[in-house]
Amino acid sequence: MLNSIKFDDDMNPIGFDEELCERLMLEKNEAEEELERIIEEDSHESMAESKINEMLDIIAALKKHPRDWDDIMIRQLIDRVIIEDEHTLRVIFASGFEAYQTL
């Protein structure tokens, strides 16, 4: 469109359609915004897909672990178990994480 603009001797544009130019600029801006939105959605979908694949890998790895009670492993993971009251246990793991279980 810009190549089709002609100028008179005083450098005034001849046959320039300002309304058409404004509409085209608006369409361009809308298209750029839509493209940014699509790229952002694609990024979120990629992150979600990556997390799902990571969880599936963890689940697959857990299937290979024995399900029998392993006293040595439990003693390495759990630092102590505290009876808070008659209905609540507090489990303190070796990492410092604490979990509460209400009976």
PDB file of N, CA and C in Angstrom:
ATOM      1  N   MET A   1       0.828  -1.190   0.000  1.00  0.00           N
ATOM      2  CA  MET A   1       0.000   0.000   0.000  1.00  0.00           C
ATOM      3  C   MET A   1       0.870   1.250   0.000  1.00  0.00           C
ATOM      4  N   LEU A   2       1.950   1.209   0.820  1.00  0.00           N
ATOM      5  CA  LEU A   2       2.817   2.380   0.883  1.00  0.00           C
ATOM      6  C   LEU A   2       3.509   2.636  -0.438  1.00  0.00           C
ATOM      7  N   ASN A   3       3.799   1.580  -1.196  1.00  0.00           N
ATOM      8  CA  ASN A   3       4.452   1.748  -2.492  1.00  0.00           C
ATOM      9  C   ASN A   3       3.521   2.382  -3.520  1.00  0.00           C
ATOM     10  N   SER A   4       2.237   2.299  -3.299  1.00  0.00           N
ATOM     11  CA  SER A   4       1.281   2.827  -4.268  1.00  0.00           C
ATOM     12  C   SER A   4       0.970   4.315  -4.042  1.00  0.00           C
ATOM     13  N   ILE A   5       1.520   4.915  -2.992  1.00  0.00           N
ATOM     14  CA  ILE A   5       1.252   6.325  -2.702  1.00  0.00           C
ATOM     15  C   ILE A   5       2.065   7.193  -3.662  1.00  0.00           C
ATOM     16  N   LYS A   6       1.399   8.128  -4.276  1.00  0.00           N
ATOM     17  CA  LYS A   6       2.029   9.095  -5.183  1.00  0.00           C
ATOM     18  C   LYS A   6       1.967  10.464  -4.522  1.00  0.00           C
ATOM     19  N   PHE A   7       2.934  11.314  -4.835  1.00  0.00           N
ATOM     20  CA  PHE A   7       3.002  12.654  -4.256  1.00  0.00           C
ATOM     21  C   PHE A   7       2.953  13.696  -5.368  1.00  0.00           C
ATOM     22  N   ASP A   8       2.330  14.822  -5.060  1.00  0.00           N
ATOM     23  CA  ASP A   8       2.334  15.932  -6.034  1.00  0.00           C
ATOM     24  C   ASP A   8       3.629  16.737  -5.862  1.00  0.00           C
ATOM     25  N   ASP A   9       3.720  17.839  -6.564  1.00  0.00           N
ATOM     26  CA  ASP A   9       4.947  18.643  -6.526  1.00  0.00           C
ATOM     27  C   ASP A   9       5.235  19.216  -5.150  1.00  0.00           C
ATOM     28  N   ASP A  10       4.205  19.425  -4.329  1.00  0.00           N
ATOM     29  CA  ASP A  10       4.385  19.975  -2.981  1.00  0.00           C
ATOM     30  C   ASP A  10       4.546  18.869  -1.926  1.00  0.00           C
ATOM     31  N   MET A  11       4.757  17.627  -2.376  1.00  0.00           N
ATOM     32  CA  MET A  11       4.927  16.444  -1.517  1.00  0.00           C
ATOM     33  C   MET A  11       3.687  16.115  -0.689  1.00  0.00           C
ATOM     34  N   ASN A  12       2.524  16.415  -1.218  1.00  0.00           N
ATOM     35  CA  ASN A  12       1.268  16.013  -0.599  1.00  0.00           C
ATOM     36  C   ASN A  12       0.854  14.683  -1.217  1.00  0.00           C
ATOM     37  N   PRO A  13       0.408  13.749  -0.379  1.00  0.00           N
ATOM     38  CA  PRO A  13       0.022  12.450  -0.940  1.00  0.00           C
ATOM     39  C   PRO A  13      -1.197  12.571  -1.856  1.00  0.00           C
ATOM     40  N   ILE A  14      -1.152  11.830  -2.960  1.00  0.00           N
ATOM     41  CA  ILE A  14      -2.263  11.805  -3.907  1.00  0.00           C
ATOM     42  C   ILE A  14      -2.942  10.444  -3.794  1.00  0.00           C
ATOM     43  N   GLY A  15      -4.223  10.447  -3.598  1.00  0.00           N
ATOM     44  CA  GLY A  15      -4.995   9.204  -3.563  1.00  0.00           C
ATOM     45  C   GLY A  15      -4.731   8.348  -2.327  1.00  0.00           C
ATOM     46  N   PHE A  16      -4.268   8.933  -1.249  1.00  0.00           N
ATOM     47  CA  PHE A  16      -4.003   8.186  -0.017  1.00  0.00           C
ATOM     48  C   PHE A  16      -5.304   8.030   0.755  1.00  0.00           C
ATOM     49  N   ASP A  17      -5.686   6.786   1.041  1.00  0.00           N
ATOM     50  CA  ASP A  17      -6.923   6.484   1.762  1.00  0.00           C
ATOM     51  C   ASP A  17      -6.581   6.295   3.238  1.00  0.00           C
ATOM     52  N   GLU A  18      -6.779   7.351   4.013  1.00  0.00           N
ATOM     53  CA  GLU A  18      -6.417   7.317   5.434  1.00  0.00           C
ATOM     54  C   GLU A  18      -7.258   6.313   6.217  1.00  0.00           C
ATOM     55  N   GLU A  19      -8.546   6.198   5.890  1.00  0.00           N
ATOM     56  CA  GLU A  19      -9.412   5.240   6.583  1.00  0.00           C
ATOM     57  C   GLU A  19      -8.949   3.815   6.340  1.00  0.00           C
ATOM     58  N   LEU A  20      -8.580   3.510   5.081  1.00  0.00           N
ATOM     59  CA  LEU A  20      -8.077   2.176   4.766  1.00  0.00           C
ATOM     60  C   LEU A  20      -6.790   1.896   5.530  1.00  0.00           C
ATOM     61  N   CYS A  21      -5.925   2.880   5.591  1.00  0.00           N
ATOM     62  CA  CYS A  21      -4.668   2.721   6.329  1.00  0.00           C
ATOM     63  C   CYS A  21      -4.939   2.457   7.806  1.00  0.00           C
ATOM     64  N   GLU A  22      -5.867   3.182   8.414  1.00  0.00           N
ATOM     65  CA  GLU A  22      -6.205   2.978   9.824  1.00  0.00           C
ATOM     66  C   GLU A  22      -6.784   1.593  10.056  1.00  0.00           C
ATOM     67  N   ARG A  23      -7.660   1.133   9.147  1.00  0.00           N
ATOM     68  CA  ARG A  23      -8.239  -0.210   9.277  1.00  0.00           C
ATOM     69  C   ARG A  23      -7.157  -1.283   9.171  1.00  0.00           C
ATOM     70  N   LEU A  24      -6.237  -1.087   8.231  1.00  0.00           N
ATOM     71  CA  LEU A  24      -5.162  -2.056   8.072  1.00  0.00           C
ATOM     72  C   LEU A  24      -4.244  -2.091   9.297  1.00  0.00           C
ATOM     73  N   MET A  25      -3.955  -0.934   9.857  1.00  0.00           N
ATOM     74  CA  MET A  25      -3.128  -0.884  11.063  1.00  0.00           C
ATOM     75  C   MET A  25      -3.831  -1.554  12.238  1.00  0.00           C
ATOM     76  N   LEU A  26      -5.149  -1.341  12.357  1.00  0.00           N
ATOM     77  CA  LEU A  26      -5.927  -1.984  13.409  1.00  0.00           C
ATOM     78  C   LEU A  26      -5.897  -3.501  13.235  1.00  0.00           C
ATOM     79  N   GLU A  27      -6.093  -3.978  12.009  1.00  0.00           N
ATOM     80  CA  GLU A  27      -6.038  -5.408  11.736  1.00  0.00           C
ATOM     81  C   GLU A  27      -4.659  -5.977  12.064  1.00  0.00           C
ATOM     82  N   LYS A  28      -3.612  -5.238  11.701  1.00  0.00           N
ATOM     83  CA  LYS A  28      -2.244  -5.671  11.998  1.00  0.00           C
ATOM     84  C   LYS A  28      -2.044  -5.807  13.498  1.00  0.00           C
ATOM     85  N   ASN A  29      -2.475  -4.811  14.270  1.00  0.00           N
ATOM     86  CA  ASN A  29      -2.336  -4.857  15.731  1.00  0.00           C
ATOM     87  C   ASN A  29      -3.111  -6.018  16.331  1.00  0.00           C
ATOM     88  N   GLU A  30      -4.334  -6.236  15.835  1.00  0.00           N
ATOM     89  CA  GLU A  30      -5.144  -7.352  16.335  1.00  0.00           C
ATOM     90  C   GLU A  30      -4.473  -8.686  16.019  1.00  0.00           C
ATOM     91  N   ALA A  31      -3.908  -8.806  14.821  1.00  0.00           N
ATOM     92  CA  ALA A  31      -3.229 -10.048  14.430  1.00  0.00           C
ATOM     93  C   ALA A  31      -2.000 -10.287  15.303  1.00  0.00           C
ATOM     94  N   GLU A  32      -1.255  -9.221  15.612  1.00  0.00           N
ATOM     95  CA  GLU A  32      -0.085  -9.358  16.477  1.00  0.00           C
ATOM     96  C   GLU A  32      -0.486  -9.777  17.883  1.00  0.00           C
ATOM     97  N   GLU A  33      -1.567  -9.217  18.410  1.00  0.00           N
ATOM     98  CA  GLU A  33      -2.055  -9.592  19.742  1.00  0.00           C
ATOM     99  C   GLU A  33      -2.508 -11.054  19.765  1.00  0.00           C
ATOM    100  N   GLU A  34      -3.194 -11.477  18.717  1.00  0.00           N
ATOM    101  CA  GLU A  34      -3.643 -12.865  18.623  1.00  0.00           C
ATOM    102  C   GLU A  34      -2.451 -13.803  18.557  1.00  0.00           C
ATOM    103  N   LEU A  35      -1.434 -13.430  17.809  1.00  0.00           N
ATOM    104  CA  LEU A  35      -0.235 -14.251  17.712  1.00  0.00           C
ATOM    105  C   LEU A  35       0.446 -14.373  19.072  1.00  0.00           C
ATOM    106  N   GLU A  36       0.554 -13.275  19.818  1.00  0.00           N
ATOM    107  CA  GLU A  36       1.135 -13.319  21.159  1.00  0.00           C
ATOM    108  C   GLU A  36       0.331 -14.232  22.076  1.00  0.00           C
ATOM    109  N   ARG A  37      -1.001 -14.154  21.986  1.00  0.00           N
ATOM    110  CA  ARG A  37      -1.861 -15.009  22.818  1.00  0.00           C
ATOM    111  C   ARG A  37      -1.645 -16.479  22.478  1.00  0.00           C
ATOM    112  N   ILE A  38      -1.553 -16.796  21.197  1.00  0.00           N
ATOM    113  CA  ILE A  38      -1.355 -18.180  20.766  1.00  0.00           C
ATOM    114  C   ILE A  38       0.003 -18.697  21.241  1.00  0.00           C
ATOM    115  N   ILE A  39       1.033 -17.860  21.126  1.00  0.00           N
ATOM    116  CA  ILE A  39       2.364 -18.269  21.588  1.00  0.00           C
ATOM    117  C   ILE A  39       2.354 -18.521  23.090  1.00  0.00           C
ATOM    118  N   GLU A  40       1.665 -17.663  23.843  1.00  0.00           N
ATOM    119  CA  GLU A  40       1.580 -17.837  25.296  1.00  0.00           C
ATOM    120  C   GLU A  40       0.822 -19.115  25.652  1.00  0.00           C
ATOM    121  N   GLU A  41      -0.296 -19.377  24.974  1.00  0.00           N
ATOM    122  CA  GLU A  41      -1.058 -20.606  25.223  1.00  0.00           C
ATOM    123  C   GLU A  41      -0.212 -21.830  24.906  1.00  0.00           C
ATOM    124  N   ASP A  42       0.529 -21.767  23.810  1.00  0.00           N
ATOM    125  CA  ASP A  42       1.376 -22.889  23.409  1.00  0.00           C
ATOM    126  C   ASP A  42       2.447 -23.145  24.464  1.00  0.00           C
ATOM    127  N   SER A  43       2.985 -22.064  25.032  1.00  0.00           N
ATOM    128  CA  SER A  43       3.996 -22.186  26.069  1.00  0.00           C
ATOM    129  C   SER A  43       3.404 -22.859  27.310  1.00  0.00           C
ATOM    130  N   HIS A  44       2.197 -22.448  27.709  1.00  0.00           N
ATOM    131  CA  HIS A  44       1.534 -23.055  28.873  1.00  0.00           C
ATOM    132  C   HIS A  44       1.241 -24.527  28.609  1.00  0.00           C
ATOM    133  N   GLU A  45       0.802 -24.853  27.387  1.00  0.00           N
ATOM    134  CA  GLU A  45       0.511 -26.238  27.049  1.00  0.00           C
ATOM    135  C   GLU A  45       1.779 -27.076  27.072  1.00  0.00           C
ATOM    136  N   SER A  46       2.886 -26.518  26.604  1.00  0.00           N
ATOM    137  CA  SER A  46       4.156 -27.236  26.612  1.00  0.00           C
ATOM    138  C   SER A  46       4.609 -27.513  28.040  1.00  0.00           C
ATOM    139  N   MET A  47       4.436 -26.512  28.922  1.00  0.00           N
ATOM    140  CA  MET A  47       4.814 -26.701  30.325  1.00  0.00           C
ATOM    141  C   MET A  47       3.942 -27.772  30.973  1.00  0.00           C
ATOM    142  N   ALA A  48       2.645 -27.734  30.694  1.00  0.00           N
ATOM    143  CA  ALA A  48       1.738 -28.730  31.275  1.00  0.00           C
ATOM    144  C   ALA A  48       2.081 -30.118  30.755  1.00  0.00           C
ATOM    145  N   GLU A  49       2.359 -30.220  29.469  1.00  0.00           N
ATOM    146  CA  GLU A  49       2.717 -31.512  28.888  1.00  0.00           C
ATOM    147  C   GLU A  49       4.010 -32.032  29.502  1.00  0.00           C
ATOM    148  N   SER A  50       4.963 -31.146  29.729  1.00  0.00           N
ATOM    149  CA  SER A  50       6.228 -31.540  30.347  1.00  0.00           C
ATOM    150  C   SER A  50       6.002 -32.069  31.765  1.00  0.00           C
ATOM    151  N   LYS A  51       5.145 -31.384  32.533  1.00  0.00           N
ATOM    152  CA  LYS A  51       4.854 -31.831  33.900  1.00  0.00           C
ATOM    153  C   LYS A  51       4.135 -33.169  33.900  1.00  0.00           C
ATOM    154  N   ILE A  52       3.208 -33.361  32.969  1.00  0.00           N
ATOM    155  CA  ILE A  52       2.490 -34.636  32.872  1.00  0.00           C
ATOM    156  C   ILE A  52       3.471 -35.758  32.549  1.00  0.00           C
ATOM    157  N   ASN A  53       4.378 -35.514  31.598  1.00  0.00           N
ATOM    158  CA  ASN A  53       5.369 -36.534  31.250  1.00  0.00           C
ATOM    159  C   ASN A  53       6.268 -36.859  32.434  1.00  0.00           C
ATOM    160  N   GLU A  54       6.627 -35.840  33.205  1.00  0.00           N
ATOM    161  CA  GLU A  54       7.449 -36.063  34.394  1.00  0.00           C
ATOM    162  C   GLU A  54       6.709 -36.929  35.411  1.00  0.00           C
ATOM    163  N   MET A  55       5.408 -36.640  35.621  1.00  0.00           N
ATOM    164  CA  MET A  55       4.614 -37.448  36.555  1.00  0.00           C
ATOM    165  C   MET A  55       4.482 -38.884  36.063  1.00  0.00           C
ATOM    166  N   LEU A  56       4.293 -39.062  34.754  1.00  0.00           N
ATOM    167  CA  LEU A  56       4.198 -40.415  34.207  1.00  0.00           C
ATOM    168  C   LEU A  56       5.503 -41.176  34.403  1.00  0.00           C
ATOM    169  N   ASP A  57       6.638 -40.496  34.256  1.00  0.00           N
ATOM    170  CA  ASP A  57       7.933 -41.136  34.498  1.00  0.00           C
ATOM    171  C   ASP A  57       8.067 -41.554  35.955  1.00  0.00           C
ATOM    172  N   ILE A  58       7.613 -40.694  36.874  1.00  0.00           N
ATOM    173  CA  ILE A  58       7.677 -41.027  38.299  1.00  0.00           C
ATOM    174  C   ILE A  58       6.790 -42.223  38.608  1.00  0.00           C
ATOM    175  N   ILE A  59       5.578 -42.228  38.045  1.00  0.00           N
ATOM    176  CA  ILE A  59       4.664 -43.356  38.269  1.00  0.00           C
ATOM    177  C   ILE A  59       5.272 -44.642  37.739  1.00  0.00           C
ATOM    178  N   ALA A  60       5.878 -44.578  36.551  1.00  0.00           N
ATOM    179  CA  ALA A  60       6.511 -45.774  35.977  1.00  0.00           C
ATOM    180  C   ALA A  60       7.648 -46.260  36.869  1.00  0.00           C
ATOM    181  N   ALA A  61       8.417 -45.330  37.426  1.00  0.00           N
ATOM    182  CA  ALA A  61       9.518 -45.718  38.310  1.00  0.00           C
ATOM    183  C   ALA A  61       8.990 -46.317  39.612  1.00  0.00           C
ATOM    184  N   LEU A  62       7.876 -45.774  40.124  1.00  0.00           N
ATOM    185  CA  LEU A  62       7.312 -46.296  41.368  1.00  0.00           C
ATOM    186  C   LEU A  62       6.756 -47.708  41.207  1.00  0.00           C
ATOM    187  N   LYS A  63       6.327 -48.052  40.005  1.00  0.00           N
ATOM    188  CA  LYS A  63       5.801 -49.403  39.770  1.00  0.00           C
ATOM    189  C   LYS A  63       6.874 -50.455  39.996  1.00  0.00           C
ATOM    190  N   LYS A  64       8.129 -50.060  39.826  1.00  0.00           N
ATOM    191  CA  LYS A  64       9.235 -51.003  39.974  1.00  0.00           C
ATOM    192  C   LYS A  64       9.682 -51.158  41.428  1.00  0.00           C
ATOM    193  N   HIS A  65       9.220 -50.264  42.312  1.00  0.00           N
ATOM    194  CA  HIS A  65       9.619 -50.350  43.708  1.00  0.00           C
ATOM    195  C   HIS A  65       8.804 -51.419  44.429  1.00  0.00           C
ATOM    196  N   PRO A  66       9.446 -52.083  45.376  1.00  0.00           N
ATOM    197  CA  PRO A  66       8.703 -53.111  46.137  1.00  0.00           C
ATOM    198  C   PRO A  66       7.627 -52.462  47.002  1.00  0.00           C
ATOM    199  N   ARG A  67       6.559 -53.193  47.185  1.00  0.00           N
ATOM    200  CA  ARG A  67       5.454 -52.678  47.997  1.00  0.00           C
ATOM    201  C   ARG A  67       5.452 -53.286  49.398  1.00  0.00           C
ATOM    202  N   ASP A  68       6.446 -54.080  49.686  1.00  0.00           N
ATOM    203  CA  ASP A  68       6.552 -54.681  51.010  1.00  0.00           C
ATOM    204  C   ASP A  68       7.133 -53.669  51.984  1.00  0.00           C
ATOM    205  N   TRP A  69       6.832 -53.872  53.251  1.00  0.00           N
ATOM    206  CA  TRP A  69       7.359 -53.005  54.292  1.00  0.00           C
ATOM    207  C   TRP A  69       8.862 -53.207  54.364  1.00  0.00           C
ATOM    208  N   ASP A  70       9.596 -52.115  54.302  1.00  0.00           N
ATOM    209  CA  ASP A  70      11.053 -52.161  54.390  1.00  0.00           C
ATOM    210  C   ASP A  70      11.461 -51.341  55.606  1.00  0.00           C
ATOM    211  N   ASP A  71      11.710 -52.029  56.708  1.00  0.00           N
ATOM    212  CA  ASP A  71      11.995 -51.367  57.975  1.00  0.00           C
ATOM    213  C   ASP A  71      13.233 -50.474  57.878  1.00  0.00           C
ATOM    214  N   ILE A  72      14.247 -50.899  57.176  1.00  0.00           N
ATOM    215  CA  ILE A  72      15.477 -50.106  57.045  1.00  0.00           C
ATOM    216  C   ILE A  72      15.191 -48.815  56.283  1.00  0.00           C
ATOM    217  N   MET A  73      14.432 -48.920  55.195  1.00  0.00           N
ATOM    218  CA  MET A  73      14.108 -47.730  54.404  1.00  0.00           C
ATOM    219  C   MET A  73      13.242 -46.765  55.215  1.00  0.00           C
ATOM    220  N   ILE A  74      12.268 -47.296  55.945  1.00  0.00           N
ATOM    221  CA  ILE A  74      11.390 -46.456  56.763  1.00  0.00           C
ATOM    222  C   ILE A  74      12.202 -45.726  57.828  1.00  0.00           C
ATOM    223  N   ARG A  75      13.154 -46.408  58.457  1.00  0.00           N
ATOM    224  CA  ARG A  75      13.981 -45.772  59.489  1.00  0.00           C
ATOM    225  C   ARG A  75      14.863 -44.667  58.897  1.00  0.00           C
ATOM    226  N   GLN A  76      15.226 -44.800  57.614  1.00  0.00           N
ATOM    227  CA  GLN A  76      16.031 -43.762  56.969  1.00  0.00           C
ATOM    228  C   GLN A  76      15.174 -42.553  56.591  1.00  0.00           C
ATOM    229  N   LEU A  77      13.912 -42.792  56.265  1.00  0.00           N
ATOM    230  CA  LEU A  77      13.032 -41.718  55.820  1.00  0.00           C
ATOM    231  C   LEU A  77      12.394 -40.947  56.972  1.00  0.00           C
ATOM    232  N   ILE A  78      12.050 -41.658  58.052  1.00  0.00           N
ATOM    233  CA  ILE A  78      11.305 -41.037  59.156  1.00  0.00           C
ATOM    234  C   ILE A  78      12.238 -40.803  60.332  1.00  0.00           C
ATOM    235  N   ASP A  79      12.261 -39.566  60.806  1.00  0.00           N
ATOM    236  CA  ASP A  79      13.083 -39.218  61.958  1.00  0.00           C
ATOM    237  C   ASP A  79      12.392 -39.655  63.247  1.00  0.00           C
ATOM    238  N   ARG A  80      11.104 -39.291  63.364  1.00  0.00           N
ATOM    239  CA  ARG A  80      10.349 -39.716  64.549  1.00  0.00           C
ATOM    240  C   ARG A  80       8.849 -39.560  64.317  1.00  0.00           C
ATOM    241  N   VAL A  81       8.097 -40.260  65.147  1.00  0.00           N
ATOM    242  CA  VAL A  81       6.634 -40.183  65.138  1.00  0.00           C
ATOM    243  C   VAL A  81       6.214 -39.726  66.534  1.00  0.00           C
ATOM    244  N   ILE A  82       5.414 -38.670  66.577  1.00  0.00           N
ATOM    245  CA  ILE A  82       4.980 -38.102  67.858  1.00  0.00           C
ATOM    246  C   ILE A  82       3.465 -38.233  67.955  1.00  0.00           C
ATOM    247  N   ILE A  83       3.015 -38.714  69.100  1.00  0.00           N
ATOM    248  CA  ILE A  83       1.575 -38.784  69.358  1.00  0.00           C
ATOM    249  C   ILE A  83       1.183 -37.452  70.000  1.00  0.00           C
ATOM    250  N   GLU A  84       0.461 -36.623  69.219  1.00  0.00           N
ATOM    251  CA  GLU A  84       0.065 -35.297  69.697  1.00  0.00           C
ATOM    252  C   GLU A  84      -1.038 -35.395  70.744  1.00  0.00           C
ATOM    253  N   ASP A  85      -2.054 -36.169  70.438  1.00  0.00           N
ATOM    254  CA  ASP A  85      -3.156 -36.431  71.362  1.00  0.00           C
ATOM    255  C   ASP A  85      -3.766 -37.765  70.948  1.00  0.00           C
ATOM    256  N   GLU A  86      -4.892 -38.091  71.509  1.00  0.00           N
ATOM    257  CA  GLU A  86      -5.466 -39.410  71.231  1.00  0.00           C
ATOM    258  C   GLU A  86      -5.950 -39.584  69.789  1.00  0.00           C
ATOM    259  N   HIS A  87      -6.020 -38.493  69.017  1.00  0.00           N
ATOM    260  CA  HIS A  87      -6.502 -38.592  67.645  1.00  0.00           C
ATOM    261  C   HIS A  87      -5.487 -38.132  66.586  1.00  0.00           C
ATOM    262  N   THR A  88      -4.331 -37.625  67.021  1.00  0.00           N
ATOM    263  CA  THR A  88      -3.414 -37.010  66.058  1.00  0.00           C
ATOM    264  C   THR A  88      -1.991 -37.541  66.206  1.00  0.00           C
ATOM    265  N   LEU A  89      -1.426 -37.946  65.062  1.00  0.00           N
ATOM    266  CA  LEU A  89      -0.019 -38.334  64.992  1.00  0.00           C
ATOM    267  C   LEU A  89       0.733 -37.278  64.187  1.00  0.00           C
ATOM    268  N   ARG A  90       1.958 -37.020  64.583  1.00  0.00           N
ATOM    269  CA  ARG A  90       2.818 -36.136  63.793  1.00  0.00           C
ATOM    270  C   ARG A  90       4.029 -36.957  63.376  1.00  0.00           C
ATOM    271  N   VAL A  91       4.272 -37.019  62.066  1.00  0.00           N
ATOM    272  CA  VAL A  91       5.408 -37.751  61.529  1.00  0.00           C
ATOM    273  C   VAL A  91       6.427 -36.726  61.051  1.00  0.00           C
ATOM    274  N   ILE A  92       7.644 -36.824  61.586  1.00  0.00           N
ATOM    275  CA  ILE A  92       8.718 -35.922  61.184  1.00  0.00           C
ATOM    276  C   ILE A  92       9.704 -36.734  60.351  1.00  0.00           C
ATOM    277  N   PHE A  93       9.847 -36.328  59.088  1.00  0.00           N
ATOM    278  CA  PHE A  93      10.734 -37.034  58.181  1.00  0.00           C
ATOM    279  C   PHE A  93      12.167 -36.537  58.357  1.00  0.00           C
ATOM    280  N   ALA A  94      13.126 -37.318  57.895  1.00  0.00           N
ATOM    281  CA  ALA A  94      14.540 -36.960  58.001  1.00  0.00           C
ATOM    282  C   ALA A  94      14.839 -35.643  57.293  1.00  0.00           C
ATOM    283  N   SER A  95      14.084 -35.314  56.277  1.00  0.00           N
ATOM    284  CA  SER A  95      14.293 -34.065  55.535  1.00  0.00           C
ATOM    285  C   SER A  95      13.793 -32.836  56.294  1.00  0.00           C
ATOM    286  N   GLY A  96      13.062 -33.057  57.394  1.00  0.00           N
ATOM    287  CA  GLY A  96      12.499 -31.947  58.156  1.00  0.00           C
ATOM    288  C   GLY A  96      11.023 -31.726  57.871  1.00  0.00           C
ATOM    289  N   PHE A  97      10.500 -32.334  56.828  1.00  0.00           N
ATOM    290  CA  PHE A  97       9.083 -32.214  56.492  1.00  0.00           C
ATOM    291  C   PHE A  97       8.261 -32.890  57.572  1.00  0.00           C
ATOM    292  N   GLU A  98       7.146 -32.271  57.940  1.00  0.00           N
ATOM    293  CA  GLU A  98       6.247 -32.839  58.950  1.00  0.00           C
ATOM    294  C   GLU A  98       4.884 -33.094  58.329  1.00  0.00           C
ATOM    295  N   ALA A  99       4.293 -34.212  58.718  1.00  0.00           N
ATOM    296  CA  ALA A  99       2.943 -34.552  58.246  1.00  0.00           C
ATOM    297  C   ALA A  99       2.117 -34.928  59.475  1.00  0.00           C
ATOM    298  N   TYR A 100       0.863 -34.532  59.426  1.00  0.00           N
ATOM    299  CA  TYR A 100      -0.062 -34.841  60.509  1.00  0.00           C
ATOM    300  C   TYR A 100      -1.102 -35.834  60.012  1.00  0.00           C
ATOM    301  N   GLN A 101      -1.446 -36.774  60.866  1.00  0.00           N
ATOM    302  CA  GLN A 101      -2.480 -37.746  60.535  1.00  0.00           C
ATOM    303  C   GLN A 101      -3.492 -37.757  61.679  1.00  0.00           C
ATOM    304  N   THR A 102      -4.740 -37.460  61.314  1.00  0.00           N
ATOM    305  CA  THR A 102      -5.806 -37.502  62.306  1.00  0.00           C
ATOM    306  C   THR A 102      -6.502 -38.849  62.187  1.00  0.00           C
ATOM    307  N   LEU A 103      -6.641 -39.527  63.294  1.00  0.00           N
ATOM    308  CA  LEU A 103      -7.260 -40.860  63.299  1.00  0.00           C
ATOM    309  C   LEU A 103      -8.735 -40.779  63.610  1.00  0.00           C
TER     310      LEU A 103
END
